[in-house]
Amino acid sequence: MVGMSGYYPPPGFHPPGYSAPMWPTPVVRPGVIPLRPLTLSDVFNGAVAYVRANPRATLGLTAIVVVTSQVVALLFQIGPLTSADVLAQGRDGQSGFSDSALVGLLASEAASVVTSVLAAIVLSGLLTVVVGRAVFGATIGMGEAWRRARGRLLPLLGVTVLEAAGAALLIAVAVGLVAAVDRIVGDAAAFAVGAVLALALVALLVYLYTVLSFAPALVVLERIGVLPALARSIALVRHDFWRVFGIRLLAAVAAGIVSFAVTMPFAVVGSVLQLVDESTGAAVAAVVLAGVGSAVGQIVTAPFTAGVVVLLYTDRRIRAEAFDLVLQTGASPMVHSTDDLWLTPRR
């Protein structure tokens, strides 16, 4: 409308006392998180919400994997205890363990560690698939989660092996340097160098653990190889290292407190049994109780920890790649499967 002076008011003009309404942009939230950069509470709440939304595929799968691994580990541990009178030799006050018993115990511990690592790899793949669906509000059954994860188990194993080999190499180099200094200079210099190297090694391992923490999620959700997953994880984390490290540390502390509270009663009862009865049966019962407590603790905390990692990975892609715009397309009814939305565009 033309004013008295014959000109149109400038764009955006409003009469005095009137302001244009400011409507907040609605946040798309089809699943357990809002599709925008996430806060700490978004990450933690989402890590709990996806468990509630998918109890079978989270707690159920976790229970199956953890209980199976614990049973296998217990079989390896109980075998040496119930053979070759190991405990009797330890109570005689003579030599403690025989050579064969010691070898058996070491072999059983090594087998238990391998079993636990393999179980952790399987569980990581399964839970990552569940979280990936939960972001869009979709549920998934145990069978489908296994079908989607099983093809990525070998790359997940490759990631674990490379990380373990790298850590072992760094430790070996540090030990070798300390041994060389001890041989050339002496004990005092070796102690000083060892103290400095120990601090540097811990810092380096913590850094590498943090920047490589998204590799399993990348292997499963983006379906890329081992080396590309490691490189891409470093690229995603390095510009926001302290935030990722802080949230992961806080999640680990929270999970550790819960796990301690759950496993402590089993450990206490096992210790009391061994104090009251020094027989082999009491020792076996204590080991079984410790295994049960460990299993319950993992079943309670493993889904939460896995959820935090995957949601942190999602947040980093949102912040670095505007990935929320891609994820929002998954809320459309025209999209039949959201799994391909996680794939990295080929350049």
Protein backbone atom coordinates (compact mmCIF):
# COMPACT_ATOMS: atom_id res chain seq x y z
CA MET A 1 0.00 0.00 0.00
CA VAL A 2 1.39 3.43 -1.00
CA GLY A 3 1.93 5.92 1.84
CA MET A 4 0.91 9.59 1.90
CA SER A 5 4.25 10.62 0.45
CA GLY A 6 3.81 8.31 -2.49
CA TYR A 7 6.45 5.64 -1.74
CA TYR A 8 6.35 2.09 -0.50
CA PRO A 9 7.71 1.42 2.99
CA PRO A 10 11.12 -0.28 2.96
CA PRO A 11 11.22 -4.08 3.18
CA GLY A 12 11.01 -5.34 6.72
CA PHE A 13 9.25 -2.15 7.93
CA HIS A 14 6.84 -2.60 10.83
CA PRO A 15 4.79 0.05 12.59
CA PRO A 16 6.04 1.17 16.02
CA GLY A 17 5.18 -1.22 18.79
CA TYR A 18 4.94 -4.20 16.44
CA SER A 19 7.60 -6.83 15.88
CA ALA A 20 7.56 -9.73 13.47
CA PRO A 21 6.86 -13.06 15.18
CA MET A 22 9.96 -15.21 15.62
CA TRP A 23 8.92 -18.85 15.18
CA PRO A 24 11.52 -21.36 16.42
CA THR A 25 12.67 -23.83 13.82
CA PRO A 26 11.30 -27.25 14.78
CA VAL A 27 13.92 -29.87 15.53
CA VAL A 28 13.47 -33.15 13.72
CA ARG A 29 13.59 -36.05 16.18
CA PRO A 30 12.45 -39.30 14.60
CA GLY A 31 14.36 -41.49 17.06
CA VAL A 32 16.43 -41.38 20.22
CA ILE A 33 18.26 -38.12 19.43
CA PRO A 34 17.36 -34.78 17.86
CA LEU A 35 18.91 -34.44 14.42
CA ARG A 36 21.12 -31.46 15.25
CA PRO A 37 24.48 -31.05 17.03
CA LEU A 38 24.18 -33.02 20.24
CA THR A 39 24.76 -31.93 23.81
CA LEU A 40 26.14 -34.15 26.57
CA SER A 41 22.61 -34.84 27.84
CA ASP A 42 21.49 -35.71 24.29
CA VAL A 43 24.25 -38.30 24.03
CA PHE A 44 23.66 -39.87 27.44
CA ASN A 45 19.86 -39.80 27.17
CA GLY A 46 20.05 -41.31 23.70
CA ALA A 47 22.37 -44.07 24.93
CA VAL A 48 19.75 -45.01 27.51
CA ALA A 49 16.71 -44.44 25.28
CA TYR A 50 17.82 -46.84 22.56
CA VAL A 51 18.15 -49.62 25.15
CA ARG A 52 14.60 -48.96 26.36
CA ALA A 53 13.30 -48.87 22.77
CA ASN A 54 15.10 -52.11 21.79
CA PRO A 55 15.37 -54.28 24.93
CA ARG A 56 15.58 -57.56 23.02
CA ALA A 57 18.18 -56.41 20.53
CA THR A 58 20.29 -54.69 23.19
CA LEU A 59 20.02 -56.49 26.52
CA GLY A 60 19.07 -59.75 24.81
CA LEU A 61 22.01 -59.80 22.39
CA THR A 62 24.37 -58.53 25.08
CA ALA A 63 23.25 -61.29 27.45
CA ILE A 64 23.73 -63.99 24.81
CA VAL A 65 27.22 -62.82 23.83
CA VAL A 66 28.43 -62.06 27.36
CA VAL A 67 27.07 -65.22 28.96
CA THR A 68 28.52 -67.37 26.19
CA SER A 69 31.95 -65.77 26.52
CA GLN A 70 31.85 -66.02 30.32
CA VAL A 71 30.94 -69.71 30.22
CA VAL A 72 33.83 -70.42 27.85
CA ALA A 73 36.20 -68.33 29.98
CA LEU A 74 35.06 -70.10 33.16
CA LEU A 75 35.68 -73.49 31.58
CA PHE A 76 39.23 -72.42 30.78
CA GLN A 77 39.77 -71.12 34.32
CA ILE A 78 38.15 -73.98 36.22
CA GLY A 79 40.06 -76.69 34.36
CA PRO A 80 43.49 -75.94 35.87
CA LEU A 81 41.95 -75.43 39.32
CA THR A 82 40.36 -78.86 39.41
CA SER A 83 43.35 -80.79 38.08
CA ALA A 84 46.87 -81.65 39.22
CA ASP A 85 46.24 -80.67 42.86
CA VAL A 86 47.18 -77.03 42.17
CA LEU A 87 45.65 -75.70 45.34
CA ALA A 88 47.11 -78.43 47.49
CA GLN A 89 50.61 -77.54 46.34
CA GLY A 90 49.92 -73.89 47.07
CA ARG A 91 48.96 -74.67 50.69
CA ASP A 92 51.93 -76.92 51.41
CA GLY A 93 54.18 -73.94 51.87
CA GLN A 94 56.67 -75.46 49.44
CA SER A 95 57.01 -74.31 45.88
CA GLY A 96 53.50 -72.92 45.32
CA PHE A 97 52.55 -73.98 41.80
CA SER A 98 54.13 -76.74 39.82
CA ASP A 99 55.48 -75.90 36.38
CA SER A 100 52.70 -77.76 34.60
CA ALA A 101 50.04 -76.08 36.76
CA LEU A 102 51.54 -72.65 36.14
CA VAL A 103 51.59 -73.23 32.38
CA GLY A 104 48.00 -74.40 32.53
CA LEU A 105 46.91 -71.32 34.45
CA LEU A 106 48.71 -68.97 32.05
CA ALA A 107 47.23 -70.76 29.04
CA SER A 108 43.75 -70.60 30.53
CA GLU A 109 44.10 -66.88 31.25
CA ALA A 110 45.28 -66.25 27.69
CA ALA A 111 42.34 -68.23 26.31
CA SER A 112 39.96 -66.26 28.53
CA VAL A 113 41.36 -62.96 27.27
CA VAL A 114 41.01 -64.06 23.64
CA THR A 115 37.43 -65.17 24.29
CA SER A 116 36.58 -61.84 25.91
CA VAL A 117 38.12 -59.87 23.04
CA LEU A 118 36.18 -61.85 20.43
CA ALA A 119 32.97 -61.38 22.39
CA ALA A 120 33.61 -57.64 22.62
CA ILE A 121 34.10 -57.46 18.83
CA VAL A 122 30.84 -59.30 18.14
CA LEU A 123 28.96 -57.20 20.67
CA SER A 124 30.35 -53.96 19.25
CA GLY A 125 29.12 -54.84 15.77
CA LEU A 126 25.66 -55.89 16.94
CA LEU A 127 25.03 -52.89 19.16
CA THR A 128 26.29 -50.45 16.52
CA VAL A 129 23.65 -51.77 14.11
CA VAL A 130 20.95 -51.33 16.76
CA VAL A 131 21.96 -47.73 17.53
CA GLY A 132 22.13 -46.92 13.84
CA ARG A 133 18.49 -47.91 13.45
CA ALA A 134 17.40 -46.26 16.72
CA VAL A 135 18.56 -42.85 15.47
CA PHE A 136 15.62 -42.99 13.04
CA GLY A 137 13.19 -44.44 15.57
CA ALA A 138 13.28 -47.89 13.98
CA THR A 139 13.57 -51.11 15.95
CA ILE A 140 15.43 -54.20 14.83
CA GLY A 141 15.23 -57.85 15.81
CA MET A 142 18.10 -59.96 17.02
CA GLY A 143 18.19 -62.03 13.84
CA GLU A 144 18.32 -59.02 11.54
CA ALA A 145 20.96 -57.32 13.70
CA TRP A 146 23.13 -60.44 13.41
CA ARG A 147 22.64 -60.61 9.63
CA ARG A 148 23.68 -57.00 9.22
CA ALA A 149 26.67 -57.23 11.57
CA ARG A 150 28.18 -60.60 10.72
CA GLY A 151 29.69 -59.42 7.44
CA ARG A 152 31.61 -56.71 9.30
CA LEU A 153 33.08 -58.91 12.04
CA LEU A 154 36.29 -59.64 10.13
CA PRO A 155 37.07 -55.94 9.56
CA LEU A 156 36.24 -55.29 13.22
CA LEU A 157 38.75 -57.98 14.16
CA GLY A 158 41.28 -56.30 11.87
CA VAL A 159 40.78 -52.98 13.66
CA THR A 160 41.28 -54.64 17.04
CA VAL A 161 44.40 -56.51 15.92
CA LEU A 162 46.01 -53.40 14.40
CA GLU A 163 45.28 -51.32 17.50
CA ALA A 164 46.67 -54.02 19.80
CA ALA A 165 49.76 -54.47 17.61
CA GLY A 166 50.37 -50.72 17.57
CA ALA A 167 50.09 -50.47 21.35
CA ALA A 168 52.40 -53.47 21.81
CA LEU A 169 54.95 -51.92 19.44
CA LEU A 170 54.96 -48.62 21.31
CA ILE A 171 55.41 -50.41 24.64
CA ALA A 172 58.21 -52.55 23.21
CA VAL A 173 60.03 -49.47 21.88
CA ALA A 174 59.77 -47.75 25.27
CA VAL A 175 61.04 -50.83 27.11
CA GLY A 176 63.87 -51.22 24.62
CA LEU A 177 64.96 -47.60 25.07
CA VAL A 178 64.98 -47.96 28.86
CA ALA A 179 66.98 -51.18 28.61
CA ALA A 180 69.49 -49.51 26.28
CA VAL A 181 69.93 -46.54 28.64
CA ASP A 182 70.37 -48.92 31.57
CA ARG A 183 73.07 -50.84 29.73
CA ILE A 184 74.95 -47.77 28.48
CA VAL A 185 74.54 -45.22 31.29
CA GLY A 186 73.26 -46.93 34.40
CA ASP A 187 70.28 -47.55 36.67
CA ALA A 188 69.66 -43.95 37.74
CA ALA A 189 69.51 -42.64 34.19
CA ALA A 190 67.35 -45.58 33.13
CA PHE A 191 64.90 -44.83 35.94
CA ALA A 192 64.65 -41.16 34.94
CA VAL A 193 64.22 -41.98 31.26
CA GLY A 194 61.71 -44.70 32.12
CA ALA A 195 59.58 -42.33 34.18
CA VAL A 196 59.45 -39.77 31.37
CA LEU A 197 58.75 -42.42 28.74
CA ALA A 198 56.01 -43.98 30.90
CA LEU A 199 54.17 -40.66 31.15
CA ALA A 200 54.62 -39.96 27.44
CA LEU A 201 53.49 -43.48 26.56
CA VAL A 202 50.32 -43.22 28.66
CA ALA A 203 49.47 -39.86 27.07
CA LEU A 204 50.10 -41.22 23.57
CA LEU A 205 48.03 -44.36 24.15
CA VAL A 206 45.14 -42.30 25.54
CA TYR A 207 45.33 -40.00 22.51
CA LEU A 208 45.36 -42.89 20.06
CA TYR A 209 42.55 -44.67 21.90
CA THR A 210 40.43 -41.53 21.61
CA VAL A 211 41.11 -40.62 17.98
CA LEU A 212 40.59 -44.22 16.86
CA SER A 213 37.45 -44.80 18.93
CA PHE A 214 35.07 -44.29 15.98
CA ALA A 215 36.72 -46.95 13.79
CA PRO A 216 34.30 -49.79 14.79
CA ALA A 217 31.26 -47.61 14.08
CA LEU A 218 32.76 -46.60 10.72
CA VAL A 219 33.43 -50.22 9.79
CA VAL A 220 29.84 -51.23 10.56
CA LEU A 221 27.77 -48.22 9.51
CA GLU A 222 29.82 -46.85 6.62
CA ARG A 223 31.01 -50.34 5.58
CA ILE A 224 34.55 -49.27 4.82
CA GLY A 225 37.80 -51.17 5.28
CA VAL A 226 40.14 -51.28 8.25
CA LEU A 227 42.73 -48.68 7.20
CA PRO A 228 40.16 -46.21 5.78
CA ALA A 229 38.17 -46.54 9.02
CA LEU A 230 41.21 -45.75 11.15
CA ALA A 231 42.13 -42.76 8.98
CA ARG A 232 38.58 -41.42 8.92
CA SER A 233 38.22 -41.81 12.70
CA ILE A 234 41.34 -39.70 13.21
CA ALA A 235 39.98 -37.06 10.82
CA LEU A 236 36.64 -36.88 12.62
CA VAL A 237 38.05 -36.70 16.16
CA ARG A 238 41.22 -34.61 15.90
CA HIS A 239 39.43 -31.23 15.58
CA ASP A 240 37.23 -31.95 18.60
CA PHE A 241 39.55 -34.19 20.60
CA TRP A 242 38.94 -32.82 24.09
CA ARG A 243 35.17 -32.94 23.79
CA VAL A 244 35.21 -36.53 22.55
CA PHE A 245 37.76 -37.51 25.20
CA GLY A 246 35.81 -35.81 27.99
CA ILE A 247 32.47 -37.40 27.11
CA ARG A 248 34.04 -40.83 26.67
CA LEU A 249 35.84 -40.48 30.00
CA LEU A 250 32.65 -39.41 31.76
CA ALA A 251 30.76 -42.33 30.22
CA ALA A 252 33.51 -44.74 31.28
CA VAL A 253 33.42 -43.42 34.85
CA ALA A 254 29.63 -43.73 35.00
CA ALA A 255 29.72 -47.27 33.57
CA GLY A 256 32.56 -48.20 35.93
CA ILE A 257 30.62 -47.04 38.98
CA VAL A 258 27.54 -49.02 37.93
CA SER A 259 29.62 -52.10 37.10
CA PHE A 260 31.43 -51.90 40.45
CA ALA A 261 28.13 -51.66 42.33
CA VAL A 262 26.76 -54.67 40.46
CA THR A 263 29.83 -56.93 40.68
CA MET A 264 30.92 -56.13 44.22
CA PRO A 265 28.35 -58.37 46.01
CA PHE A 266 29.45 -61.37 43.93
CA ALA A 267 33.12 -60.68 44.66
CA VAL A 268 32.47 -60.28 48.39
CA VAL A 269 30.56 -63.54 48.62
CA GLY A 270 33.31 -65.33 46.68
CA SER A 271 36.01 -63.95 48.98
CA VAL A 272 34.06 -65.01 52.08
CA LEU A 273 33.68 -68.52 50.66
CA GLN A 274 37.42 -68.83 50.17
CA LEU A 275 38.13 -67.55 53.68
CA VAL A 276 35.69 -70.01 55.26
CA ASP A 277 36.58 -72.98 53.08
CA GLU A 278 39.99 -73.49 51.45
CA SER A 279 38.90 -76.43 49.35
CA THR A 280 39.02 -76.62 45.58
CA GLY A 281 35.23 -76.51 45.48
CA ALA A 282 35.17 -73.18 47.28
CA ALA A 283 37.76 -71.76 44.88
CA VAL A 284 35.71 -72.93 41.91
CA ALA A 285 32.56 -71.40 43.43
CA ALA A 286 34.39 -68.10 43.93
CA VAL A 287 35.53 -68.08 40.30
CA VAL A 288 31.99 -68.83 39.12
CA LEU A 289 30.56 -66.05 41.28
CA ALA A 290 33.14 -63.60 39.93
CA GLY A 291 32.20 -64.64 36.39
CA VAL A 292 28.50 -64.17 37.09
CA GLY A 293 29.12 -60.73 38.57
CA SER A 294 31.27 -59.73 35.61
CA ALA A 295 28.60 -60.93 33.17
CA VAL A 296 25.83 -58.99 34.92
CA GLY A 297 27.99 -55.87 34.99
CA GLN A 298 28.72 -56.11 31.26
CA ILE A 299 25.09 -56.75 30.38
CA VAL A 300 24.07 -53.61 32.25
CA THR A 301 26.85 -51.27 31.02
CA ALA A 302 27.96 -52.48 27.57
CA PRO A 303 24.88 -51.21 25.67
CA PHE A 304 25.21 -47.78 27.27
CA THR A 305 28.92 -47.50 26.42
CA ALA A 306 28.35 -48.63 22.82
CA GLY A 307 25.50 -46.16 22.47
CA VAL A 308 27.66 -43.26 23.66
CA VAL A 309 30.37 -44.07 21.10
CA VAL A 310 27.98 -44.33 18.15
CA LEU A 311 26.06 -41.19 19.12
CA LEU A 312 29.33 -39.28 19.56
CA TYR A 313 30.32 -40.44 16.09
CA THR A 314 26.95 -39.22 14.79
CA ASP A 315 27.45 -35.86 16.49
CA ARG A 316 30.90 -35.43 14.93
CA ARG A 317 29.50 -36.10 11.46
CA ILE A 318 26.70 -33.61 12.11
CA ARG A 319 29.18 -30.93 13.18
CA ALA A 320 31.82 -31.63 10.54
CA GLU A 321 29.71 -32.67 7.56
CA ALA A 322 26.20 -31.21 8.17
CA PHE A 323 25.15 -34.84 8.42
CA ASP A 324 21.90 -33.89 10.13
CA LEU A 325 20.56 -32.83 6.72
CA VAL A 326 21.23 -36.34 5.43
CA LEU A 327 19.73 -37.97 8.49
CA GLN A 328 16.59 -35.86 8.21
CA THR A 329 15.81 -37.50 4.89
CA GLY A 330 15.45 -40.76 6.82
CA ALA A 331 12.35 -39.33 8.51
CA SER A 332 10.60 -39.21 5.13
CA PRO A 333 8.12 -42.03 4.43
CA MET A 334 9.63 -42.23 0.93
CA VAL A 335 12.82 -43.74 2.36
CA HIS A 336 12.37 -47.49 2.73
CA SER A 337 15.75 -48.23 4.34
CA THR A 338 17.87 -45.87 6.41
CA ASP A 339 20.97 -48.06 6.53
CA ASP A 340 22.43 -46.55 3.34
CA LEU A 341 22.18 -43.02 4.73
CA TRP A 342 25.24 -43.73 6.88
CA LEU A 343 27.45 -44.47 3.89
CA THR A 344 30.17 -41.96 3.07
CA PRO A 345 29.62 -40.36 -0.37
CA ARG A 346 32.20 -41.58 -2.85
CA ARG A 347 34.29 -38.76 -4.31
